[in-house]
Amino acid sequence: QVQLLESGGGLVQAGASLRLSCSASGRTFSGYPVTWHRRASGKERELVAVSTKSGQTYYTNSVKGRFTFSRDDAQGTVYLEMTSLNPEDTAMYCCNMDQSWGTGTQVAVSS
């Protein structure tokens, strides 16, 4: 059974950048679509970015041009590079693959 572990979150000021990582154990990401989601306090979970098994990426409109999803299947890690962060990006960020979820990494952006 695959286990996912996110890291890289933190408290930053508006305009800063962060790179989130999601590492897999028990299986690599190769051949699977992977998604990043986030849930802000009091809000529903939101799909942020998708990487298809062929590596195509899609983003929700609010992060287009600021977030970049990359994957290193050989290393069993995917990344979410986040730039120009704003307070609306504050949330718990989780990755998902094949119905498995990590516990998440918290991102907090101060104005």
PDB file of N, CA and C in Angstrom:
ATOM      1  N   GLN A   1       0.845  -1.182   0.000  1.00  0.00           N
ATOM      2  CA  GLN A   1       0.000   0.000   0.000  1.00  0.00           C
ATOM      3  C   GLN A   1       0.887   1.241   0.000  1.00  0.00           C
ATOM      4  N   VAL A   2       0.531   2.179  -0.846  1.00  0.00           N
ATOM      5  CA  VAL A   2       1.348   3.376  -0.965  1.00  0.00           C
ATOM      6  C   VAL A   2       1.094   4.304   0.205  1.00  0.00           C
ATOM      7  N   GLN A   3       2.146   4.953   0.666  1.00  0.00           N
ATOM      8  CA  GLN A   3       2.041   5.987   1.687  1.00  0.00           C
ATOM      9  C   GLN A   3       2.652   7.263   1.127  1.00  0.00           C
ATOM     10  N   LEU A   4       1.971   8.355   1.361  1.00  0.00           N
ATOM     11  CA  LEU A   4       2.411   9.644   0.851  1.00  0.00           C
ATOM     12  C   LEU A   4       2.769  10.556   2.014  1.00  0.00           C
ATOM     13  N   LEU A   5       3.828  11.334   1.834  1.00  0.00           N
ATOM     14  CA  LEU A   5       4.269  12.250   2.879  1.00  0.00           C
ATOM     15  C   LEU A   5       4.627  13.580   2.257  1.00  0.00           C
ATOM     16  N   GLU A   6       3.905  14.607   2.680  1.00  0.00           N
ATOM     17  CA  GLU A   6       4.163  15.952   2.192  1.00  0.00           C
ATOM     18  C   GLU A   6       5.113  16.692   3.133  1.00  0.00           C
ATOM     19  N   SER A   7       5.826  17.643   2.562  1.00  0.00           N
ATOM     20  CA  SER A   7       6.702  18.503   3.342  1.00  0.00           C
ATOM     21  C   SER A   7       6.909  19.810   2.601  1.00  0.00           C
ATOM     22  N   GLY A   8       7.505  20.774   3.278  1.00  0.00           N
ATOM     23  CA  GLY A   8       7.864  22.025   2.634  1.00  0.00           C
ATOM     24  C   GLY A   8       6.990  23.211   2.979  1.00  0.00           C
ATOM     25  N   GLY A   9       5.941  22.979   3.722  1.00  0.00           N
ATOM     26  CA  GLY A   9       5.080  24.098   4.096  1.00  0.00           C
ATOM     27  C   GLY A   9       5.750  24.999   5.122  1.00  0.00           C
ATOM     28  N   GLY A  10       5.090  26.095   5.420  1.00  0.00           N
ATOM     29  CA  GLY A  10       5.629  27.018   6.411  1.00  0.00           C
ATOM     30  C   GLY A  10       4.867  28.314   6.430  1.00  0.00           C
ATOM     31  N   LEU A  11       5.364  29.237   7.223  1.00  0.00           N
ATOM     32  CA  LEU A  11       4.785  30.577   7.332  1.00  0.00           C
ATOM     33  C   LEU A  11       5.660  31.546   6.554  1.00  0.00           C
ATOM     34  N   VAL A  12       5.076  32.204   5.583  1.00  0.00           N
ATOM     35  CA  VAL A  12       5.819  33.144   4.757  1.00  0.00           C
ATOM     36  C   VAL A  12       5.015  34.427   4.590  1.00  0.00           C
ATOM     37  N   GLN A  13       5.683  35.449   4.101  1.00  0.00           N
ATOM     38  CA  GLN A  13       4.998  36.709   3.814  1.00  0.00           C
ATOM     39  C   GLN A  13       4.462  36.694   2.387  1.00  0.00           C
ATOM     40  N   ALA A  14       3.480  37.496   2.147  1.00  0.00           N
ATOM     41  CA  ALA A  14       2.922  37.621   0.810  1.00  0.00           C
ATOM     42  C   ALA A  14       4.021  37.958  -0.191  1.00  0.00           C
ATOM     43  N   GLY A  15       3.954  37.302  -1.332  1.00  0.00           N
ATOM     44  CA  GLY A  15       4.957  37.500  -2.361  1.00  0.00           C
ATOM     45  C   GLY A  15       6.084  36.489  -2.344  1.00  0.00           C
ATOM     46  N   ALA A  16       6.164  35.733  -1.265  1.00  0.00           N
ATOM     47  CA  ALA A  16       7.235  34.739  -1.136  1.00  0.00           C
ATOM     48  C   ALA A  16       6.916  33.486  -1.939  1.00  0.00           C
ATOM     49  N   SER A  17       7.877  32.577  -1.931  1.00  0.00           N
ATOM     50  CA  SER A  17       7.737  31.302  -2.640  1.00  0.00           C
ATOM     51  C   SER A  17       7.987  30.147  -1.684  1.00  0.00           C
ATOM     52  N   LEU A  18       7.372  29.032  -2.017  1.00  0.00           N
ATOM     53  CA  LEU A  18       7.618  27.787  -1.292  1.00  0.00           C
ATOM     54  C   LEU A  18       7.615  26.642  -2.286  1.00  0.00           C
ATOM     55  N   ARG A  19       8.330  25.592  -1.951  1.00  0.00           N
ATOM     56  CA  ARG A  19       8.255  24.374  -2.752  1.00  0.00           C
ATOM     57  C   ARG A  19       7.811  23.231  -1.864  1.00  0.00           C
ATOM     58  N   LEU A  20       6.664  22.690  -2.186  1.00  0.00           N
ATOM     59  CA  LEU A  20       6.147  21.540  -1.460  1.00  0.00           C
ATOM     60  C   LEU A  20       6.613  20.265  -2.134  1.00  0.00           C
ATOM     61  N   SER A  21       6.850  19.259  -1.326  1.00  0.00           N
ATOM     62  CA  SER A  21       7.241  17.941  -1.827  1.00  0.00           C
ATOM     63  C   SER A  21       6.258  16.902  -1.335  1.00  0.00           C
ATOM     64  N   CYS A  22       6.079  15.891  -2.138  1.00  0.00           N
ATOM     65  CA  CYS A  22       5.266  14.739  -1.742  1.00  0.00           C
ATOM     66  C   CYS A  22       6.041  13.500  -2.153  1.00  0.00           C
ATOM     67  N   SER A  23       6.429  12.731  -1.177  1.00  0.00           N
ATOM     68  CA  SER A  23       7.193  11.521  -1.463  1.00  0.00           C
ATOM     69  C   SER A  23       6.328  10.294  -1.230  1.00  0.00           C
ATOM     70  N   ALA A  24       6.581   9.280  -2.021  1.00  0.00           N
ATOM     71  CA  ALA A  24       5.800   8.047  -1.952  1.00  0.00           C
ATOM     72  C   ALA A  24       6.664   6.885  -1.486  1.00  0.00           C
ATOM     73  N   SER A  25       6.077   6.058  -0.666  1.00  0.00           N
ATOM     74  CA  SER A  25       6.731   4.808  -0.275  1.00  0.00           C
ATOM     75  C   SER A  25       5.768   3.667  -0.543  1.00  0.00           C
ATOM     76  N   GLY A  26       6.308   2.547  -0.913  1.00  0.00           N
ATOM     77  CA  GLY A  26       5.474   1.411  -1.238  1.00  0.00           C
ATOM     78  C   GLY A  26       5.130   1.310  -2.701  1.00  0.00           C
ATOM     79  N   ARG A  27       5.298   2.426  -3.412  1.00  0.00           N
ATOM     80  CA  ARG A  27       5.034   2.469  -4.845  1.00  0.00           C
ATOM     81  C   ARG A  27       5.570   3.794  -5.355  1.00  0.00           C
ATOM     82  N   THR A  28       5.968   3.822  -6.594  1.00  0.00           N
ATOM     83  CA  THR A  28       6.377   5.106  -7.169  1.00  0.00           C
ATOM     84  C   THR A  28       5.161   5.752  -7.822  1.00  0.00           C
ATOM     85  N   PHE A  29       5.362   6.984  -8.240  1.00  0.00           N
ATOM     86  CA  PHE A  29       4.296   7.714  -8.909  1.00  0.00           C
ATOM     87  C   PHE A  29       4.176   7.324 -10.388  1.00  0.00           C
ATOM     88  N   SER A  30       5.163   6.609 -10.879  1.00  0.00           N
ATOM     89  CA  SER A  30       5.209   6.304 -12.296  1.00  0.00           C
ATOM     90  C   SER A  30       3.928   5.614 -12.764  1.00  0.00           C
ATOM     91  N   GLY A  31       3.340   6.177 -13.807  1.00  0.00           N
ATOM     92  CA  GLY A  31       2.143   5.579 -14.380  1.00  0.00           C
ATOM     93  C   GLY A  31       0.845   5.981 -13.721  1.00  0.00           C
ATOM     94  N   TYR A  32       0.904   6.877 -12.743  1.00  0.00           N
ATOM     95  CA  TYR A  32      -0.298   7.304 -12.045  1.00  0.00           C
ATOM     96  C   TYR A  32      -0.491   8.812 -12.163  1.00  0.00           C
ATOM     97  N   PRO A  33      -1.715   9.241 -12.305  1.00  0.00           N
ATOM     98  CA  PRO A  33      -1.955  10.673 -12.151  1.00  0.00           C
ATOM     99  C   PRO A  33      -1.815  11.046 -10.674  1.00  0.00           C
ATOM    100  N   VAL A  34      -1.365  12.248 -10.428  1.00  0.00           N
ATOM    101  CA  VAL A  34      -1.170  12.735  -9.067  1.00  0.00           C
ATOM    102  C   VAL A  34      -1.799  14.112  -8.962  1.00  0.00           C
ATOM    103  N   THR A  35      -2.389  14.374  -7.844  1.00  0.00           N
ATOM    104  CA  THR A  35      -3.033  15.663  -7.658  1.00  0.00           C
ATOM    105  C   THR A  35      -2.576  16.315  -6.354  1.00  0.00           C
ATOM    106  N   TRP A  36      -2.598  17.637  -6.351  1.00  0.00           N
ATOM    107  CA  TRP A  36      -2.418  18.433  -5.140  1.00  0.00           C
ATOM    108  C   TRP A  36      -3.765  19.090  -4.827  1.00  0.00           C
ATOM    109  N   HIS A  37      -4.125  19.037  -3.568  1.00  0.00           N
ATOM    110  CA  HIS A  37      -5.341  19.661  -3.095  1.00  0.00           C
ATOM    111  C   HIS A  37      -4.989  20.570  -1.928  1.00  0.00           C
ATOM    112  N   ARG A  38      -5.905  21.443  -1.598  1.00  0.00           N
ATOM    113  CA  ARG A  38      -5.723  22.255  -0.397  1.00  0.00           C
ATOM    114  C   ARG A  38      -7.077  22.474   0.267  1.00  0.00           C
ATOM    115  N   ARG A  39      -6.999  22.661   1.561  1.00  0.00           N
ATOM    116  CA  ARG A  39      -8.217  22.967   2.320  1.00  0.00           C
ATOM    117  C   ARG A  39      -7.899  24.086   3.279  1.00  0.00           C
ATOM    118  N   ALA A  40      -8.550  25.201   3.054  1.00  0.00           N
ATOM    119  CA  ALA A  40      -8.428  26.331   3.964  1.00  0.00           C
ATOM    120  C   ALA A  40      -9.419  26.151   5.106  1.00  0.00           C
ATOM    121  N   SER A  41      -9.108  26.766   6.213  1.00  0.00           N
ATOM    122  CA  SER A  41      -9.962  26.646   7.387  1.00  0.00           C
ATOM    123  C   SER A  41     -11.384  27.091   7.065  1.00  0.00           C
ATOM    124  N   GLY A  42     -12.350  26.235   7.342  1.00  0.00           N
ATOM    125  CA  GLY A  42     -13.743  26.577   7.123  1.00  0.00           C
ATOM    126  C   GLY A  42     -14.215  26.450   5.696  1.00  0.00           C
ATOM    127  N   LYS A  43     -13.364  25.933   4.821  1.00  0.00           N
ATOM    128  CA  LYS A  43     -13.739  25.818   3.411  1.00  0.00           C
ATOM    129  C   LYS A  43     -13.651  24.368   2.951  1.00  0.00           C
ATOM    130  N   GLU A  44     -14.241  24.118   1.793  1.00  0.00           N
ATOM    131  CA  GLU A  44     -14.176  22.792   1.209  1.00  0.00           C
ATOM    132  C   GLU A  44     -12.784  22.537   0.614  1.00  0.00           C
ATOM    133  N   ARG A  45     -12.437  21.279   0.494  1.00  0.00           N
ATOM    134  CA  ARG A  45     -11.184  20.927  -0.158  1.00  0.00           C
ATOM    135  C   ARG A  45     -11.233  21.341  -1.624  1.00  0.00           C
ATOM    136  N   GLU A  46     -10.125  21.856  -2.092  1.00  0.00           N
ATOM    137  CA  GLU A  46     -10.043  22.381  -3.460  1.00  0.00           C
ATOM    138  C   GLU A  46      -8.927  21.684  -4.221  1.00  0.00           C
ATOM    139  N   LEU A  47      -9.244  21.266  -5.428  1.00  0.00           N
ATOM    140  CA  LEU A  47      -8.218  20.701  -6.302  1.00  0.00           C
ATOM    141  C   LEU A  47      -7.360  21.841  -6.829  1.00  0.00           C
ATOM    142  N   VAL A  48      -6.059  21.758  -6.621  1.00  0.00           N
ATOM    143  CA  VAL A  48      -5.150  22.830  -7.000  1.00  0.00           C
ATOM    144  C   VAL A  48      -4.439  22.522  -8.316  1.00  0.00           C
ATOM    145  N   ALA A  49      -3.909  21.311  -8.436  1.00  0.00           N
ATOM    146  CA  ALA A  49      -3.107  20.980  -9.610  1.00  0.00           C
ATOM    147  C   ALA A  49      -3.169  19.483  -9.871  1.00  0.00           C
ATOM    148  N   VAL A  50      -3.051  19.149 -11.145  1.00  0.00           N
ATOM    149  CA  VAL A  50      -3.089  17.765 -11.592  1.00  0.00           C
ATOM    150  C   VAL A  50      -1.886  17.499 -12.477  1.00  0.00           C
ATOM    151  N   SER A  51      -1.274  16.355 -12.276  1.00  0.00           N
ATOM    152  CA  SER A  51      -0.272  15.863 -13.211  1.00  0.00           C
ATOM    153  C   SER A  51      -0.754  14.510 -13.696  1.00  0.00           C
ATOM    154  N   THR A  52      -1.001  14.422 -15.002  1.00  0.00           N
ATOM    155  CA  THR A  52      -1.464  13.146 -15.542  1.00  0.00           C
ATOM    156  C   THR A  52      -0.313  12.147 -15.564  1.00  0.00           C
ATOM    157  N   LYS A  53      -0.618  10.909 -15.829  1.00  0.00           N
ATOM    158  CA  LYS A  53       0.440   9.896 -15.826  1.00  0.00           C
ATOM    159  C   LYS A  53       1.441  10.134 -16.950  1.00  0.00           C
ATOM    160  N   SER A  54       1.048  10.914 -17.936  1.00  0.00           N
ATOM    161  CA  SER A  54       1.983  11.260 -19.000  1.00  0.00           C
ATOM    162  C   SER A  54       2.719  12.563 -18.729  1.00  0.00           C
ATOM    163  N   GLY A  55       2.387  13.195 -17.594  1.00  0.00           N
ATOM    164  CA  GLY A  55       3.112  14.395 -17.216  1.00  0.00           C
ATOM    165  C   GLY A  55       2.452  15.708 -17.590  1.00  0.00           C
ATOM    166  N   GLN A  56       1.286  15.665 -18.219  1.00  0.00           N
ATOM    167  CA  GLN A  56       0.581  16.912 -18.503  1.00  0.00           C
ATOM    168  C   GLN A  56       0.070  17.494 -17.189  1.00  0.00           C
ATOM    169  N   THR A  57       0.062  18.806 -17.115  1.00  0.00           N
ATOM    170  CA  THR A  57      -0.355  19.462 -15.884  1.00  0.00           C
ATOM    171  C   THR A  57      -1.533  20.396 -16.116  1.00  0.00           C
ATOM    172  N   TYR A  58      -2.359  20.500 -15.114  1.00  0.00           N
ATOM    173  CA  TYR A  58      -3.516  21.378 -15.133  1.00  0.00           C
ATOM    174  C   TYR A  58      -3.609  22.051 -13.773  1.00  0.00           C
ATOM    175  N   TYR A  59      -4.105  23.286 -13.781  1.00  0.00           N
ATOM    176  CA  TYR A  59      -4.159  24.060 -12.556  1.00  0.00           C
ATOM    177  C   TYR A  59      -5.509  24.732 -12.402  1.00  0.00           C
ATOM    178  N   THR A  60      -5.907  24.910 -11.166  1.00  0.00           N
ATOM    179  CA  THR A  60      -7.084  25.716 -10.930  1.00  0.00           C
ATOM    180  C   THR A  60      -6.752  27.167 -11.279  1.00  0.00           C
ATOM    181  N   ASN A  61      -7.763  27.911 -11.682  1.00  0.00           N
ATOM    182  CA  ASN A  61      -7.514  29.250 -12.221  1.00  0.00           C
ATOM    183  C   ASN A  61      -6.758  30.161 -11.250  1.00  0.00           C
ATOM    184  N   SER A  62      -7.038  30.039  -9.975  1.00  0.00           N
ATOM    185  CA  SER A  62      -6.449  30.969  -9.011  1.00  0.00           C
ATOM    186  C   SER A  62      -4.938  30.800  -8.848  1.00  0.00           C
ATOM    187  N   VAL A  63      -4.385  29.691  -9.313  1.00  0.00           N
ATOM    188  CA  VAL A  63      -2.943  29.481  -9.154  1.00  0.00           C
ATOM    189  C   VAL A  63      -2.204  29.434 -10.485  1.00  0.00           C
ATOM    190  N   LYS A  64      -2.924  29.506 -11.575  1.00  0.00           N
ATOM    191  CA  LYS A  64      -2.272  29.471 -12.893  1.00  0.00           C
ATOM    192  C   LYS A  64      -1.252  30.582 -13.010  1.00  0.00           C
ATOM    193  N   GLY A  65      -0.085  30.220 -13.508  1.00  0.00           N
ATOM    194  CA  GLY A  65       0.984  31.188 -13.672  1.00  0.00           C
ATOM    195  C   GLY A  65       1.821  31.393 -12.421  1.00  0.00           C
ATOM    196  N   ARG A  66       1.362  30.873 -11.296  1.00  0.00           N
ATOM    197  CA  ARG A  66       2.113  31.029 -10.030  1.00  0.00           C
ATOM    198  C   ARG A  66       2.619  29.692  -9.499  1.00  0.00           C
ATOM    199  N   PHE A  67       1.864  28.626  -9.719  1.00  0.00           N
ATOM    200  CA  PHE A  67       2.235  27.308  -9.210  1.00  0.00           C
ATOM    201  C   PHE A  67       2.696  26.439 -10.368  1.00  0.00           C
ATOM    202  N   THR A  68       3.669  25.584 -10.071  1.00  0.00           N
ATOM    203  CA  THR A  68       4.169  24.641 -11.060  1.00  0.00           C
ATOM    204  C   THR A  68       4.291  23.266 -10.437  1.00  0.00           C
ATOM    205  N   PHE A  69       3.684  22.307 -11.107  1.00  0.00           N
ATOM    206  CA  PHE A  69       3.691  20.912 -10.650  1.00  0.00           C
ATOM    207  C   PHE A  69       4.767  20.175 -11.434  1.00  0.00           C
ATOM    208  N   SER A  70       5.671  19.543 -10.736  1.00  0.00           N
ATOM    209  CA  SER A  70       6.667  18.720 -11.407  1.00  0.00           C
ATOM    210  C   SER A  70       6.767  17.375 -10.694  1.00  0.00           C
ATOM    211  N   ARG A  71       7.306  16.418 -11.391  1.00  0.00           N
ATOM    212  CA  ARG A  71       7.395  15.082 -10.815  1.00  0.00           C
ATOM    213  C   ARG A  71       8.714  14.434 -11.182  1.00  0.00           C
ATOM    214  N   ASP A  72       9.247  13.704 -10.243  1.00  0.00           N
ATOM    215  CA  ASP A  72      10.460  12.915 -10.460  1.00  0.00           C
ATOM    216  C   ASP A  72      10.091  11.485 -10.097  1.00  0.00           C
ATOM    217  N   ASP A  73       9.562  10.783 -11.069  1.00  0.00           N
ATOM    218  CA  ASP A  73       9.064   9.437 -10.791  1.00  0.00           C
ATOM    219  C   ASP A  73      10.179   8.514 -10.318  1.00  0.00           C
ATOM    220  N   ALA A  74      11.383   8.715 -10.835  1.00  0.00           N
ATOM    221  CA  ALA A  74      12.490   7.848 -10.434  1.00  0.00           C
ATOM    222  C   ALA A  74      12.803   8.006  -8.951  1.00  0.00           C
ATOM    223  N   GLN A  75      12.636   9.235  -8.453  1.00  0.00           N
ATOM    224  CA  GLN A  75      12.904   9.514  -7.038  1.00  0.00           C
ATOM    225  C   GLN A  75      11.675   9.317  -6.165  1.00  0.00           C
ATOM    226  N   GLY A  76      10.553   9.053  -6.804  1.00  0.00           N
ATOM    227  CA  GLY A  76       9.336   8.859  -6.026  1.00  0.00           C
ATOM    228  C   GLY A  76       8.865  10.124  -5.332  1.00  0.00           C
ATOM    229  N   THR A  77       9.054  11.249  -5.990  1.00  0.00           N
ATOM    230  CA  THR A  77       8.692  12.529  -5.399  1.00  0.00           C
ATOM    231  C   THR A  77       8.031  13.421  -6.430  1.00  0.00           C
ATOM    232  N   VAL A  78       7.007  14.129  -6.002  1.00  0.00           N
ATOM    233  CA  VAL A  78       6.420  15.176  -6.829  1.00  0.00           C
ATOM    234  C   VAL A  78       6.534  16.482  -6.064  1.00  0.00           C
ATOM    235  N   TYR A  79       6.490  17.577  -6.811  1.00  0.00           N
ATOM    236  CA  TYR A  79       6.707  18.890  -6.225  1.00  0.00           C
ATOM    237  C   TYR A  79       5.617  19.857  -6.663  1.00  0.00           C
ATOM    238  N   LEU A  80       5.352  20.804  -5.802  1.00  0.00           N
ATOM    239  CA  LEU A  80       4.497  21.926  -6.158  1.00  0.00           C
ATOM    240  C   LEU A  80       5.264  23.199  -5.821  1.00  0.00           C
ATOM    241  N   GLU A  81       5.770  23.837  -6.868  1.00  0.00           N
ATOM    242  CA  GLU A  81       6.500  25.097  -6.702  1.00  0.00           C
ATOM    243  C   GLU A  81       5.473  26.217  -6.677  1.00  0.00           C
ATOM    244  N   MET A  82       5.482  26.989  -5.619  1.00  0.00           N
ATOM    245  CA  MET A  82       4.486  28.036  -5.449  1.00  0.00           C
ATOM    246  C   MET A  82       5.187  29.386  -5.354  1.00  0.00           C
ATOM    247  N   THR A  83       4.832  30.301  -6.189  1.00  0.00           N
ATOM    248  CA  THR A  83       5.425  31.635  -6.183  1.00  0.00           C
ATOM    249  C   THR A  83       4.328  32.684  -6.004  1.00  0.00           C
ATOM    250  N   SER A  84       4.769  33.909  -5.718  1.00  0.00           N
ATOM    251  CA  SER A  84       3.833  35.023  -5.530  1.00  0.00           C
ATOM    252  C   SER A  84       2.683  34.636  -4.607  1.00  0.00           C
ATOM    253  N   LEU A  85       3.022  34.043  -3.506  1.00  0.00           N
ATOM    254  CA  LEU A  85       1.997  33.577  -2.577  1.00  0.00           C
ATOM    255  C   LEU A  85       1.223  34.749  -1.993  1.00  0.00           C
ATOM    256  N   ASN A  86      -0.046  34.532  -1.766  1.00  0.00           N
ATOM    257  CA  ASN A  86      -0.876  35.551  -1.135  1.00  0.00           C
ATOM    258  C   ASN A  86      -1.689  34.889  -0.016  1.00  0.00           C
ATOM    259  N   PRO A  87      -2.292  35.683   0.851  1.00  0.00           N
ATOM    260  CA  PRO A  87      -2.997  35.108   2.005  1.00  0.00           C
ATOM    261  C   PRO A  87      -4.091  34.110   1.620  1.00  0.00           C
ATOM    262  N   GLU A  88      -4.662  34.251   0.427  1.00  0.00           N
ATOM    263  CA  GLU A  88      -5.694  33.321  -0.013  1.00  0.00           C
ATOM    264  C   GLU A  88      -5.132  31.925  -0.293  1.00  0.00           C
ATOM    265  N   ASP A  89      -3.818  31.795  -0.352  1.00  0.00           N
ATOM    266  CA  ASP A  89      -3.193  30.483  -0.541  1.00  0.00           C
ATOM    267  C   ASP A  89      -3.007  29.743   0.780  1.00  0.00           C
ATOM    268  N   THR A  90      -3.314  30.390   1.880  1.00  0.00           N
ATOM    269  CA  THR A  90      -3.183  29.745   3.183  1.00  0.00           C
ATOM    270  C   THR A  90      -4.112  28.547   3.280  1.00  0.00           C
ATOM    271  N   ALA A  91      -3.539  27.378   3.553  1.00  0.00           N
ATOM    272  CA  ALA A  91      -4.328  26.146   3.604  1.00  0.00           C
ATOM    273  C   ALA A  91      -3.422  24.986   3.971  1.00  0.00           C
ATOM    274  N   MET A  92      -4.061  23.856   4.240  1.00  0.00           N
ATOM    275  CA  MET A  92      -3.343  22.602   4.353  1.00  0.00           C
ATOM    276  C   MET A  92      -3.288  21.992   2.951  1.00  0.00           C
ATOM    277  N   TYR A  93      -2.088  21.663   2.500  1.00  0.00           N
ATOM    278  CA  TYR A  93      -1.895  21.120   1.162  1.00  0.00           C
ATOM    279  C   TYR A  93      -1.602  19.617   1.258  1.00  0.00           C
ATOM    280  N   CYS A  94      -2.318  18.854   0.445  1.00  0.00           N
ATOM    281  CA  CYS A  94      -2.170  17.394   0.453  1.00  0.00           C
ATOM    282  C   CYS A  94      -1.994  16.889  -0.973  1.00  0.00           C
ATOM    283  N   CYS A  95      -1.265  15.804  -1.099  1.00  0.00           N
ATOM    284  CA  CYS A  95      -1.159  15.159  -2.404  1.00  0.00           C
ATOM    285  C   CYS A  95      -1.973  13.864  -2.389  1.00  0.00           C
ATOM    286  N   ASN A  96      -2.312  13.450  -3.593  1.00  0.00           N
ATOM    287  CA  ASN A  96      -3.164  12.273  -3.736  1.00  0.00           C
ATOM    288  C   ASN A  96      -2.717  11.453  -4.924  1.00  0.00           C
ATOM    289  N   MET A  97      -2.684  10.153  -4.738  1.00  0.00           N
ATOM    290  CA  MET A  97      -2.401   9.230  -5.827  1.00  0.00           C
ATOM    291  C   MET A  97      -3.161   7.944  -5.568  1.00  0.00           C
ATOM    292  N   ASP A  98      -3.911   7.520  -6.558  1.00  0.00           N
ATOM    293  CA  ASP A  98      -4.577   6.226  -6.499  1.00  0.00           C
ATOM    294  C   ASP A  98      -5.340   6.028  -5.183  1.00  0.00           C
ATOM    295  N   GLN A  99      -6.105   7.015  -4.813  1.00  0.00           N
ATOM    296  CA  GLN A  99      -6.955   7.005  -3.626  1.00  0.00           C
ATOM    297  C   GLN A  99      -6.187   7.048  -2.315  1.00  0.00           C
ATOM    298  N   SER A 100      -4.896   7.266  -2.355  1.00  0.00           N
ATOM    299  CA  SER A 100      -4.103   7.438  -1.141  1.00  0.00           C
ATOM    300  C   SER A 100      -3.809   8.909  -0.914  1.00  0.00           C
ATOM    301  N   TRP A 101      -3.860   9.297   0.349  1.00  0.00           N
ATOM    302  CA  TRP A 101      -3.635  10.691   0.710  1.00  0.00           C
ATOM    303  C   TRP A 101      -2.519  10.793   1.733  1.00  0.00           C
ATOM    304  N   GLY A 102      -1.751  11.886   1.634  1.00  0.00           N
ATOM    305  CA  GLY A 102      -0.829  12.193   2.692  1.00  0.00           C
ATOM    306  C   GLY A 102      -1.546  12.950   3.796  1.00  0.00           C
ATOM    307  N   THR A 103      -0.825  13.235   4.864  1.00  0.00           N
ATOM    308  CA  THR A 103      -1.425  13.966   5.987  1.00  0.00           C
ATOM    309  C   THR A 103      -1.395  15.470   5.773  1.00  0.00           C
ATOM    310  N   GLY A 104      -0.590  15.916   4.831  1.00  0.00           N
ATOM    311  CA  GLY A 104      -0.617  17.320   4.477  1.00  0.00           C
ATOM    312  C   GLY A 104       0.512  18.126   5.076  1.00  0.00           C
ATOM    313  N   THR A 105       0.721  19.293   4.499  1.00  0.00           N
ATOM    314  CA  THR A 105       1.689  20.256   5.012  1.00  0.00           C
ATOM    315  C   THR A 105       1.025  21.624   5.004  1.00  0.00           C
ATOM    316  N   GLN A 106       1.171  22.347   6.098  1.00  0.00           N
ATOM    317  CA  GLN A 106       0.458  23.613   6.271  1.00  0.00           C
ATOM    318  C   GLN A 106       1.229  24.756   5.627  1.00  0.00           C
ATOM    319  N   VAL A 107       0.516  25.545   4.869  1.00  0.00           N
ATOM    320  CA  VAL A 107       1.059  26.767   4.290  1.00  0.00           C
ATOM    321  C   VAL A 107       0.282  27.945   4.859  1.00  0.00           C
ATOM    322  N   ALA A 108       0.997  28.903   5.382  1.00  0.00           N
ATOM    323  CA  ALA A 108       0.367  30.113   5.919  1.00  0.00           C
ATOM    324  C   ALA A 108       1.069  31.319   5.317  1.00  0.00           C
ATOM    325  N   VAL A 109       0.291  32.210   4.745  1.00  0.00           N
ATOM    326  CA  VAL A 109       0.839  33.388   4.088  1.00  0.00           C
ATOM    327  C   VAL A 109       0.299  34.627   4.796  1.00  0.00           C
ATOM    328  N   SER A 110       1.189  35.429   5.307  1.00  0.00           N
ATOM    329  CA  SER A 110       0.778  36.650   6.000  1.00  0.00           C
ATOM    330  C   SER A 110       0.828  37.839   5.048  1.00  0.00           C
ATOM    331  N   SER A 111      -0.050  38.786   5.296  1.00  0.00           N
ATOM    332  CA  SER A 111      -0.130  39.968   4.415  1.00  0.00           C
ATOM    333  C   SER A 111       0.833  41.055   4.862  1.00  0.00           C
TER     334      SER A 111
END
